Amino acid sequence: MTQSTEKLVSLAILTAQPGKQDALCDGLLALVEPTRKEPGCLDYVLFEMQDAPGTFYMREAFTSRAALDAHFQTPHFRAFAATVDNLLARPLQLVFLDQLST
């Protein structure tokens, strides 16, 4: 199969501790607008599982690994990262994907 190498696509999977769903959702929503303005950000969209409230998926696409690494160093992401562990039921999972179709 042919793989697209023009961008780096990932899903961040975050599951909130019971009672901390709203705080996790608010923190994730606060990342969306500033991240979309970052150089190299192509896509940054938050989803919540319909049948598992409190489980969130952030679909992310950046132009390169360097752009994703730069995202991890931004003040808004670092502020979120400093508090997120107290909200999660399990460690954040970051899954990298190869896009096979448009």
PDB file of N, CA and C in Angstrom:
ATOM      1  N   MET A   1       0.834  -1.193   0.000  1.00  0.00           N
ATOM      2  CA  MET A   1       0.000   0.000   0.000  1.00  0.00           C
ATOM      3  C   MET A   1       0.871   1.246   0.000  1.00  0.00           C
ATOM      4  N   THR A   2       0.397   2.268  -0.654  1.00  0.00           N
ATOM      5  CA  THR A   2       1.113   3.533  -0.698  1.00  0.00           C
ATOM      6  C   THR A   2       0.762   4.356   0.537  1.00  0.00           C
ATOM      7  N   GLN A   3       1.767   4.937   1.149  1.00  0.00           N
ATOM      8  CA  GLN A   3       1.554   5.748   2.342  1.00  0.00           C
ATOM      9  C   GLN A   3       1.804   7.215   2.019  1.00  0.00           C
ATOM     10  N   SER A   4       1.028   8.069   2.672  1.00  0.00           N
ATOM     11  CA  SER A   4       1.251   9.498   2.536  1.00  0.00           C
ATOM     12  C   SER A   4       2.339   9.919   3.513  1.00  0.00           C
ATOM     13  N   THR A   5       3.375  10.599   3.009  1.00  0.00           N
ATOM     14  CA  THR A   5       4.452  11.044   3.884  1.00  0.00           C
ATOM     15  C   THR A   5       4.475  12.561   4.020  1.00  0.00           C
ATOM     16  N   GLU A   6       3.442  13.218   3.483  1.00  0.00           N
ATOM     17  CA  GLU A   6       3.453  14.674   3.495  1.00  0.00           C
ATOM     18  C   GLU A   6       3.043  15.268   4.841  1.00  0.00           C
ATOM     19  N   LYS A   7       2.505  14.446   5.730  1.00  0.00           N
ATOM     20  CA  LYS A   7       2.129  14.969   7.041  1.00  0.00           C
ATOM     21  C   LYS A   7       2.195  13.875   8.093  1.00  0.00           C
ATOM     22  N   LEU A   8       2.226  14.309   9.344  1.00  0.00           N
ATOM     23  CA  LEU A   8       2.252  13.408  10.491  1.00  0.00           C
ATOM     24  C   LEU A   8       0.874  13.463  11.138  1.00  0.00           C
ATOM     25  N   VAL A   9       0.179  12.333  11.142  1.00  0.00           N
ATOM     26  CA  VAL A   9      -1.179  12.267  11.668  1.00  0.00           C
ATOM     27  C   VAL A   9      -1.179  11.370  12.899  1.00  0.00           C
ATOM     28  N   SER A  10      -1.876  11.810  13.937  1.00  0.00           N
ATOM     29  CA  SER A  10      -1.961  11.006  15.152  1.00  0.00           C
ATOM     30  C   SER A  10      -3.313  11.189  15.824  1.00  0.00           C
ATOM     31  N   LEU A  11      -3.617  10.247  16.705  1.00  0.00           N
ATOM     32  CA  LEU A  11      -4.761  10.333  17.596  1.00  0.00           C
ATOM     33  C   LEU A  11      -4.225  10.281  19.014  1.00  0.00           C
ATOM     34  N   ALA A  12      -4.596  11.267  19.796  1.00  0.00           N
ATOM     35  CA  ALA A  12      -4.305  11.231  21.223  1.00  0.00           C
ATOM     36  C   ALA A  12      -5.570  10.728  21.905  1.00  0.00           C
ATOM     37  N   ILE A  13      -5.435   9.686  22.717  1.00  0.00           N
ATOM     38  CA  ILE A  13      -6.573   9.082  23.407  1.00  0.00           C
ATOM     39  C   ILE A  13      -6.409   9.359  24.890  1.00  0.00           C
ATOM     40  N   LEU A  14      -7.421  10.033  25.461  1.00  0.00           N
ATOM     41  CA  LEU A  14      -7.358  10.427  26.866  1.00  0.00           C
ATOM     42  C   LEU A  14      -8.660  10.011  27.549  1.00  0.00           C
ATOM     43  N   THR A  15      -8.537   9.298  28.661  1.00  0.00           N
ATOM     44  CA  THR A  15      -9.702   8.851  29.415  1.00  0.00           C
ATOM     45  C   THR A  15      -9.679   9.501  30.789  1.00  0.00           C
ATOM     46  N   ALA A  16     -10.744  10.218  31.109  1.00  0.00           N
ATOM     47  CA  ALA A  16     -10.828  10.956  32.373  1.00  0.00           C
ATOM     48  C   ALA A  16     -11.120  10.033  33.549  1.00  0.00           C
ATOM     49  N   GLN A  17     -10.599  10.412  34.695  1.00  0.00           N
ATOM     50  CA  GLN A  17     -11.000   9.762  35.939  1.00  0.00           C
ATOM     51  C   GLN A  17     -12.472  10.097  36.186  1.00  0.00           C
ATOM     52  N   PRO A  18     -13.194   9.220  36.888  1.00  0.00           N
ATOM     53  CA  PRO A  18     -14.591   9.537  37.218  1.00  0.00           C
ATOM     54  C   PRO A  18     -14.682  10.891  37.919  1.00  0.00           C
ATOM     55  N   GLY A  19     -15.627  11.696  37.474  1.00  0.00           N
ATOM     56  CA  GLY A  19     -15.843  13.010  38.058  1.00  0.00           C
ATOM     57  C   GLY A  19     -14.934  14.100  37.513  1.00  0.00           C
ATOM     58  N   LYS A  20     -13.994  13.747  36.648  1.00  0.00           N
ATOM     59  CA  LYS A  20     -13.060  14.747  36.111  1.00  0.00           C
ATOM     60  C   LYS A  20     -13.225  14.946  34.598  1.00  0.00           C
ATOM     61  N   GLN A  21     -14.335  14.430  34.049  1.00  0.00           N
ATOM     62  CA  GLN A  21     -14.578  14.549  32.617  1.00  0.00           C
ATOM     63  C   GLN A  21     -14.663  15.997  32.165  1.00  0.00           C
ATOM     64  N   ASP A  22     -15.385  16.810  32.912  1.00  0.00           N
ATOM     65  CA  ASP A  22     -15.555  18.209  32.510  1.00  0.00           C
ATOM     66  C   ASP A  22     -14.226  18.961  32.538  1.00  0.00           C
ATOM     67  N   ALA A  23     -13.426  18.725  33.558  1.00  0.00           N
ATOM     68  CA  ALA A  23     -12.126  19.400  33.656  1.00  0.00           C
ATOM     69  C   ALA A  23     -11.207  18.985  32.513  1.00  0.00           C
ATOM     70  N   LEU A  24     -11.208  17.697  32.175  1.00  0.00           N
ATOM     71  CA  LEU A  24     -10.377  17.231  31.064  1.00  0.00           C
ATOM     72  C   LEU A  24     -10.875  17.816  29.751  1.00  0.00           C
ATOM     73  N   CYS A  25     -12.172  17.798  29.544  1.00  0.00           N
ATOM     74  CA  CYS A  25     -12.750  18.362  28.320  1.00  0.00           C
ATOM     75  C   CYS A  25     -12.397  19.838  28.189  1.00  0.00           C
ATOM     76  N   ASP A  26     -12.548  20.597  29.268  1.00  0.00           N
ATOM     77  CA  ASP A  26     -12.224  22.028  29.233  1.00  0.00           C
ATOM     78  C   ASP A  26     -10.754  22.257  28.887  1.00  0.00           C
ATOM     79  N   GLY A  27      -9.869  21.458  29.471  1.00  0.00           N
ATOM     80  CA  GLY A  27      -8.447  21.593  29.187  1.00  0.00           C
ATOM     81  C   GLY A  27      -8.121  21.281  27.735  1.00  0.00           C
ATOM     82  N   LEU A  28      -8.754  20.257  27.196  1.00  0.00           N
ATOM     83  CA  LEU A  28      -8.525  19.894  25.796  1.00  0.00           C
ATOM     84  C   LEU A  28      -9.090  20.945  24.851  1.00  0.00           C
ATOM     85  N   LEU A  29     -10.289  21.431  25.150  1.00  0.00           N
ATOM     86  CA  LEU A  29     -10.881  22.474  24.300  1.00  0.00           C
ATOM     87  C   LEU A  29     -10.027  23.733  24.281  1.00  0.00           C
ATOM     88  N   ALA A  30      -9.389  24.040  25.409  1.00  0.00           N
ATOM     89  CA  ALA A  30      -8.540  25.233  25.484  1.00  0.00           C
ATOM     90  C   ALA A  30      -7.296  25.108  24.592  1.00  0.00           C
ATOM     91  N   LEU A  31      -6.924  23.895  24.219  1.00  0.00           N
ATOM     92  CA  LEU A  31      -5.770  23.692  23.337  1.00  0.00           C
ATOM     93  C   LEU A  31      -6.096  23.935  21.863  1.00  0.00           C
ATOM     94  N   VAL A  32      -7.361  23.788  21.486  1.00  0.00           N
ATOM     95  CA  VAL A  32      -7.719  23.737  20.072  1.00  0.00           C
ATOM     96  C   VAL A  32      -7.331  25.005  19.315  1.00  0.00           C
ATOM     97  N   GLU A  33      -7.836  26.145  19.712  1.00  0.00           N
ATOM     98  CA  GLU A  33      -7.599  27.371  18.936  1.00  0.00           C
ATOM     99  C   GLU A  33      -6.126  27.774  18.882  1.00  0.00           C
ATOM    100  N   PRO A  34      -5.410  27.798  20.016  1.00  0.00           N
ATOM    101  CA  PRO A  34      -3.997  28.188  19.901  1.00  0.00           C
ATOM    102  C   PRO A  34      -3.173  27.180  19.089  1.00  0.00           C
ATOM    103  N   THR A  35      -3.515  25.908  19.190  1.00  0.00           N
ATOM    104  CA  THR A  35      -2.772  24.905  18.420  1.00  0.00           C
ATOM    105  C   THR A  35      -3.014  25.077  16.934  1.00  0.00           C
ATOM    106  N   ARG A  36      -4.244  25.355  16.545  1.00  0.00           N
ATOM    107  CA  ARG A  36      -4.555  25.541  15.126  1.00  0.00           C
ATOM    108  C   ARG A  36      -3.787  26.720  14.515  1.00  0.00           C
ATOM    109  N   LYS A  37      -3.335  27.645  15.334  1.00  0.00           N
ATOM    110  CA  LYS A  37      -2.588  28.809  14.854  1.00  0.00           C
ATOM    111  C   LYS A  37      -1.084  28.550  14.766  1.00  0.00           C
ATOM    112  N   GLU A  38      -0.638  27.405  15.248  1.00  0.00           N
ATOM    113  CA  GLU A  38       0.792  27.093  15.242  1.00  0.00           C
ATOM    114  C   GLU A  38       1.280  26.834  13.816  1.00  0.00           C
ATOM    115  N   PRO A  39       2.500  27.261  13.513  1.00  0.00           N
ATOM    116  CA  PRO A  39       3.083  26.896  12.218  1.00  0.00           C
ATOM    117  C   PRO A  39       3.179  25.368  12.139  1.00  0.00           C
ATOM    118  N   GLY A  40       2.764  24.820  11.035  1.00  0.00           N
ATOM    119  CA  GLY A  40       2.859  23.377  10.850  1.00  0.00           C
ATOM    120  C   GLY A  40       1.648  22.587  11.278  1.00  0.00           C
ATOM    121  N   CYS A  41       0.666  23.219  11.919  1.00  0.00           N
ATOM    122  CA  CYS A  41      -0.553  22.500  12.301  1.00  0.00           C
ATOM    123  C   CYS A  41      -1.505  22.468  11.106  1.00  0.00           C
ATOM    124  N   LEU A  42      -1.904  21.272  10.723  1.00  0.00           N
ATOM    125  CA  LEU A  42      -2.842  21.090   9.617  1.00  0.00           C
ATOM    126  C   LEU A  42      -4.249  20.766  10.105  1.00  0.00           C
ATOM    127  N   ASP A  43      -4.363  20.107  11.264  1.00  0.00           N
ATOM    128  CA  ASP A  43      -5.650  19.644  11.766  1.00  0.00           C
ATOM    129  C   ASP A  43      -5.529  19.406  13.262  1.00  0.00           C
ATOM    130  N   TYR A  44      -6.541  19.810  14.023  1.00  0.00           N
ATOM    131  CA  TYR A  44      -6.539  19.596  15.466  1.00  0.00           C
ATOM    132  C   TYR A  44      -7.995  19.627  15.904  1.00  0.00           C
ATOM    133  N   VAL A  45      -8.609  18.447  16.064  1.00  0.00           N
ATOM    134  CA  VAL A  45     -10.047  18.343  16.310  1.00  0.00           C
ATOM    135  C   VAL A  45     -10.289  17.397  17.480  1.00  0.00           C
ATOM    136  N   LEU A  46     -11.147  17.825  18.411  1.00  0.00           N
ATOM    137  CA  LEU A  46     -11.468  17.037  19.599  1.00  0.00           C
ATOM    138  C   LEU A  46     -12.781  16.281  19.411  1.00  0.00           C
ATOM    139  N   PHE A  47     -12.784  15.007  19.831  1.00  0.00           N
ATOM    140  CA  PHE A  47     -13.970  14.156  19.803  1.00  0.00           C
ATOM    141  C   PHE A  47     -14.148  13.520  21.176  1.00  0.00           C
ATOM    142  N   GLU A  48     -15.399  13.156  21.502  1.00  0.00           N
ATOM    143  CA  GLU A  48     -15.684  12.370  22.701  1.00  0.00           C
ATOM    144  C   GLU A  48     -16.470  11.141  22.274  1.00  0.00           C
ATOM    145  N   MET A  49     -16.137   9.987  22.822  1.00  0.00           N
ATOM    146  CA  MET A  49     -16.840   8.759  22.478  1.00  0.00           C
ATOM    147  C   MET A  49     -18.293   8.848  22.927  1.00  0.00           C
ATOM    148  N   GLN A  50     -19.204   8.515  22.044  1.00  0.00           N
ATOM    149  CA  GLN A  50     -20.624   8.552  22.374  1.00  0.00           C
ATOM    150  C   GLN A  50     -20.992   7.532  23.448  1.00  0.00           C
ATOM    151  N   ASP A  51     -20.420   6.328  23.350  1.00  0.00           N
ATOM    152  CA  ASP A  51     -20.796   5.273  24.299  1.00  0.00           C
ATOM    153  C   ASP A  51     -19.846   5.166  25.489  1.00  0.00           C
ATOM    154  N   ALA A  52     -18.907   6.098  25.604  1.00  0.00           N
ATOM    155  CA  ALA A  52     -17.987   6.126  26.746  1.00  0.00           C
ATOM    156  C   ALA A  52     -17.655   7.576  27.079  1.00  0.00           C
ATOM    157  N   PRO A  53     -18.628   8.320  27.610  1.00  0.00           N
ATOM    158  CA  PRO A  53     -18.355   9.717  27.962  1.00  0.00           C
ATOM    159  C   PRO A  53     -17.134   9.811  28.879  1.00  0.00           C
ATOM    160  N   GLY A  54     -16.326  10.830  28.612  1.00  0.00           N
ATOM    161  CA  GLY A  54     -15.087  10.993  29.372  1.00  0.00           C
ATOM    162  C   GLY A  54     -13.879  10.408  28.671  1.00  0.00           C
ATOM    163  N   THR A  55     -14.101   9.733  27.531  1.00  0.00           N
ATOM    164  CA  THR A  55     -12.996   9.259  26.704  1.00  0.00           C
ATOM    165  C   THR A  55     -12.923  10.166  25.484  1.00  0.00           C
ATOM    166  N   PHE A  56     -11.787  10.824  25.337  1.00  0.00           N
ATOM    167  CA  PHE A  56     -11.612  11.843  24.308  1.00  0.00           C
ATOM    168  C   PHE A  56     -10.550  11.406  23.306  1.00  0.00           C
ATOM    169  N   TYR A  57     -10.760  11.817  22.066  1.00  0.00           N
ATOM    170  CA  TYR A  57      -9.806  11.599  20.977  1.00  0.00           C
ATOM    171  C   TYR A  57      -9.476  12.956  20.377  1.00  0.00           C
ATOM    172  N   MET A  58      -8.199  13.269  20.295  1.00  0.00           N
ATOM    173  CA  MET A  58      -7.765  14.479  19.611  1.00  0.00           C
ATOM    174  C   MET A  58      -7.101  14.029  18.319  1.00  0.00           C
ATOM    175  N   ARG A  59      -7.738  14.369  17.191  1.00  0.00           N
ATOM    176  CA  ARG A  59      -7.139  14.057  15.890  1.00  0.00           C
ATOM    177  C   ARG A  59      -6.214  15.205  15.540  1.00  0.00           C
ATOM    178  N   GLU A  60      -4.955  14.858  15.292  1.00  0.00           N
ATOM    179  CA  GLU A  60      -3.923  15.862  15.070  1.00  0.00           C
ATOM    180  C   GLU A  60      -3.208  15.577  13.757  1.00  0.00           C
ATOM    181  N   ALA A  61      -2.901  16.624  13.029  1.00  0.00           N
ATOM    182  CA  ALA A  61      -2.054  16.485  11.845  1.00  0.00           C
ATOM    183  C   ALA A  61      -1.118  17.680  11.799  1.00  0.00           C
ATOM    184  N   PHE A  62       0.148  17.373  11.627  1.00  0.00           N
ATOM    185  CA  PHE A  62       1.190  18.392  11.525  1.00  0.00           C
ATOM    186  C   PHE A  62       2.012  18.129  10.265  1.00  0.00           C
ATOM    187  N   THR A  63       2.671  19.148   9.785  1.00  0.00           N
ATOM    188  CA  THR A  63       3.449  19.022   8.560  1.00  0.00           C
ATOM    189  C   THR A  63       4.666  18.118   8.727  1.00  0.00           C
ATOM    190  N   SER A  64       5.122  17.937   9.976  1.00  0.00           N
ATOM    191  CA  SER A  64       6.328  17.133  10.206  1.00  0.00           C
ATOM    192  C   SER A  64       6.432  16.779  11.686  1.00  0.00           C
ATOM    193  N   ARG A  65       7.341  15.886  11.989  1.00  0.00           N
ATOM    194  CA  ARG A  65       7.622  15.554  13.388  1.00  0.00           C
ATOM    195  C   ARG A  65       8.160  16.781  14.124  1.00  0.00           C
ATOM    196  N   ALA A  66       8.948  17.589  13.437  1.00  0.00           N
ATOM    197  CA  ALA A  66       9.482  18.807  14.063  1.00  0.00           C
ATOM    198  C   ALA A  66       8.350  19.753  14.460  1.00  0.00           C
ATOM    199  N   ALA A  67       7.307  19.863  13.642  1.00  0.00           N
ATOM    200  CA  ALA A  67       6.173  20.728  13.980  1.00  0.00           C
ATOM    201  C   ALA A  67       5.424  20.174  15.188  1.00  0.00           C
ATOM    202  N   LEU A  68       5.284  18.850  15.270  1.00  0.00           N
ATOM    203  CA  LEU A  68       4.643  18.247  16.443  1.00  0.00           C
ATOM    204  C   LEU A  68       5.496  18.472  17.682  1.00  0.00           C
ATOM    205  N   ASP A  69       6.806  18.282  17.560  1.00  0.00           N
ATOM    206  CA  ASP A  69       7.700  18.515  18.699  1.00  0.00           C
ATOM    207  C   ASP A  69       7.634  19.967  19.167  1.00  0.00           C
ATOM    208  N   ALA A  70       7.524  20.907  18.219  1.00  0.00           N
ATOM    209  CA  ALA A  70       7.387  22.323  18.575  1.00  0.00           C
ATOM    210  C   ALA A  70       6.079  22.562  19.318  1.00  0.00           C
ATOM    211  N   HIS A  71       5.015  21.862  18.908  1.00  0.00           N
ATOM    212  CA  HIS A  71       3.720  21.960  19.605  1.00  0.00           C
ATOM    213  C   HIS A  71       3.865  21.571  21.070  1.00  0.00           C
ATOM    214  N   PHE A  72       4.625  20.503  21.327  1.00  0.00           N
ATOM    215  CA  PHE A  72       4.824  20.034  22.697  1.00  0.00           C
ATOM    216  C   PHE A  72       5.553  21.055  23.564  1.00  0.00           C
ATOM    217  N   GLN A  73       6.224  22.018  22.965  1.00  0.00           N
ATOM    218  CA  GLN A  73       6.979  23.032  23.711  1.00  0.00           C
ATOM    219  C   GLN A  73       6.233  24.352  23.869  1.00  0.00           C
ATOM    220  N   THR A  74       5.046  24.478  23.286  1.00  0.00           N
ATOM    221  CA  THR A  74       4.310  25.743  23.391  1.00  0.00           C
ATOM    222  C   THR A  74       3.819  25.960  24.820  1.00  0.00           C
ATOM    223  N   PRO A  75       3.661  27.213  25.224  1.00  0.00           N
ATOM    224  CA  PRO A  75       3.166  27.487  26.581  1.00  0.00           C
ATOM    225  C   PRO A  75       1.794  26.870  26.855  1.00  0.00           C
ATOM    226  N   HIS A  76       0.886  26.896  25.882  1.00  0.00           N
ATOM    227  CA  HIS A  76      -0.451  26.343  26.128  1.00  0.00           C
ATOM    228  C   HIS A  76      -0.408  24.824  26.295  1.00  0.00           C
ATOM    229  N   PHE A  77       0.422  24.138  25.530  1.00  0.00           N
ATOM    230  CA  PHE A  77       0.506  22.684  25.696  1.00  0.00           C
ATOM    231  C   PHE A  77       1.222  22.338  26.998  1.00  0.00           C
ATOM    232  N   ARG A  78       2.281  23.050  27.322  1.00  0.00           N
ATOM    233  CA  ARG A  78       3.023  22.759  28.560  1.00  0.00           C
ATOM    234  C   ARG A  78       2.153  22.981  29.797  1.00  0.00           C
ATOM    235  N   ALA A  79       1.302  24.010  29.769  1.00  0.00           N
ATOM    236  CA  ALA A  79       0.391  24.257  30.894  1.00  0.00           C
ATOM    237  C   ALA A  79      -0.597  23.103  31.034  1.00  0.00           C
ATOM    238  N   PHE A  80      -1.112  22.627  29.914  1.00  0.00           N
ATOM    239  CA  PHE A  80      -2.034  21.486  29.939  1.00  0.00           C
ATOM    240  C   PHE A  80      -1.314  20.233  30.448  1.00  0.00           C
ATOM    241  N   ALA A  81      -0.140  19.965  29.921  1.00  0.00           N
ATOM    242  CA  ALA A  81       0.607  18.761  30.293  1.00  0.00           C
ATOM    243  C   ALA A  81       0.946  18.734  31.786  1.00  0.00           C
ATOM    244  N   ALA A  82       1.136  19.900  32.382  1.00  0.00           N
ATOM    245  CA  ALA A  82       1.484  19.982  33.802  1.00  0.00           C
ATOM    246  C   ALA A  82       0.336  19.547  34.699  1.00  0.00           C
ATOM    247  N   THR A  83      -0.895  19.579  34.196  1.00  0.00           N
ATOM    248  CA  THR A  83      -2.055  19.257  35.031  1.00  0.00           C
ATOM    249  C   THR A  83      -2.802  18.007  34.593  1.00  0.00           C
ATOM    250  N   VAL A  84      -2.553  17.514  33.396  1.00  0.00           N
ATOM    251  CA  VAL A  84      -3.391  16.457  32.838  1.00  0.00           C
ATOM    252  C   VAL A  84      -3.281  15.134  33.584  1.00  0.00           C
ATOM    253  N   ASP A  85      -2.132  14.794  34.124  1.00  0.00           N
ATOM    254  CA  ASP A  85      -1.981  13.500  34.792  1.00  0.00           C
ATOM    255  C   ASP A  85      -2.960  13.331  35.949  1.00  0.00           C
ATOM    256  N   ASN A  86      -3.328  14.417  36.606  1.00  0.00           N
ATOM    257  CA  ASN A  86      -4.279  14.353  37.718  1.00  0.00           C
ATOM    258  C   ASN A  86      -5.710  14.131  37.258  1.00  0.00           C
ATOM    259  N   LEU A  87      -5.944  14.234  35.951  1.00  0.00           N
ATOM    260  CA  LEU A  87      -7.291  14.082  35.403  1.00  0.00           C
ATOM    261  C   LEU A  87      -7.505  12.738  34.726  1.00  0.00           C
ATOM    262  N   LEU A  88      -6.424  12.032  34.420  1.00  0.00           N
ATOM    263  CA  LEU A  88      -6.510  10.819  33.606  1.00  0.00           C
ATOM    264  C   LEU A  88      -6.669   9.549  34.425  1.00  0.00           C
ATOM    265  N   ALA A  89      -7.512   8.653  33.923  1.00  0.00           N
ATOM    266  CA  ALA A  89      -7.692   7.334  34.537  1.00  0.00           C
ATOM    267  C   ALA A  89      -6.563   6.393  34.133  1.00  0.00           C
ATOM    268  N   ARG A  90      -5.942   6.657  32.983  1.00  0.00           N
ATOM    269  CA  ARG A  90      -4.810   5.861  32.482  1.00  0.00           C
ATOM    270  C   ARG A  90      -3.923   6.791  31.682  1.00  0.00           C
ATOM    271  N   PRO A  91      -2.678   6.420  31.440  1.00  0.00           N
ATOM    272  CA  PRO A  91      -1.780   7.309  30.696  1.00  0.00           C
ATOM    273  C   PRO A  91      -2.316   7.634  29.297  1.00  0.00           C
ATOM    274  N   LEU A  92      -2.045   8.846  28.867  1.00  0.00           N
ATOM    275  CA  LEU A  92      -2.395   9.280  27.519  1.00  0.00           C
ATOM    276  C   LEU A  92      -1.765   8.319  26.519  1.00  0.00           C
ATOM    277  N   GLN A  93      -2.524   7.974  25.490  1.00  0.00           N
ATOM    278  CA  GLN A  93      -2.009   7.128  24.413  1.00  0.00           C
ATOM    279  C   GLN A  93      -1.941   7.969  23.152  1.00  0.00           C
ATOM    280  N   LEU A  94      -0.789   7.974  22.499  1.00  0.00           N
ATOM    281  CA  LEU A  94      -0.620   8.701  21.247  1.00  0.00           C
ATOM    282  C   LEU A  94      -0.345   7.679  20.151  1.00  0.00           C
ATOM    283  N   VAL A  95      -1.279   7.592  19.193  1.00  0.00           N
ATOM    284  CA  VAL A  95      -1.228   6.605  18.119  1.00  0.00           C
ATOM    285  C   VAL A  95      -0.922   7.329  16.818  1.00  0.00           C
ATOM    286  N   PHE A  96       0.148   6.927  16.130  1.00  0.00           N
ATOM    287  CA  PHE A  96       0.505   7.539  14.847  1.00  0.00           C
ATOM    288  C   PHE A  96      -0.105   6.720  13.720  1.00  0.00           C
ATOM    289  N   LEU A  97      -0.603   7.434  12.707  1.00  0.00           N
ATOM    290  CA  LEU A  97      -1.334   6.816  11.606  1.00  0.00           C
ATOM    291  C   LEU A  97      -0.716   7.161  10.270  1.00  0.00           C
ATOM    292  N   ASP A  98      -0.792   6.216   9.331  1.00  0.00           N
ATOM    293  CA  ASP A  98      -0.451   6.487   7.943  1.00  0.00           C
ATOM    294  C   ASP A  98      -1.753   6.656   7.176  1.00  0.00           C
ATOM    295  N   GLN A  99      -1.897   7.756   6.473  1.00  0.00           N
ATOM    296  CA  GLN A  99      -3.099   8.023   5.692  1.00  0.00           C
ATOM    297  C   GLN A  99      -3.017   7.264   4.373  1.00  0.00           C
ATOM    298  N   LEU A 100      -4.012   6.441   4.099  1.00  0.00           N
ATOM    299  CA  LEU A 100      -4.016   5.632   2.899  1.00  0.00           C
ATOM    300  C   LEU A 100      -4.989   6.116   1.841  1.00  0.00           C
ATOM    301  N   SER A 101      -5.914   7.003   2.204  1.00  0.00           N
ATOM    302  CA  SER A 101      -6.852   7.540   1.228  1.00  0.00           C
ATOM    303  C   SER A 101      -7.094   9.012   1.542  1.00  0.00           C
ATOM    304  N   THR A 102      -7.751   9.702   0.612  1.00  0.00           N
ATOM    305  CA  THR A 102      -8.088  11.107   0.839  1.00  0.00           C
ATOM    306  C   THR A 102      -9.537  11.226   1.236  1.00  0.00           C
TER     307      THR A 102
END
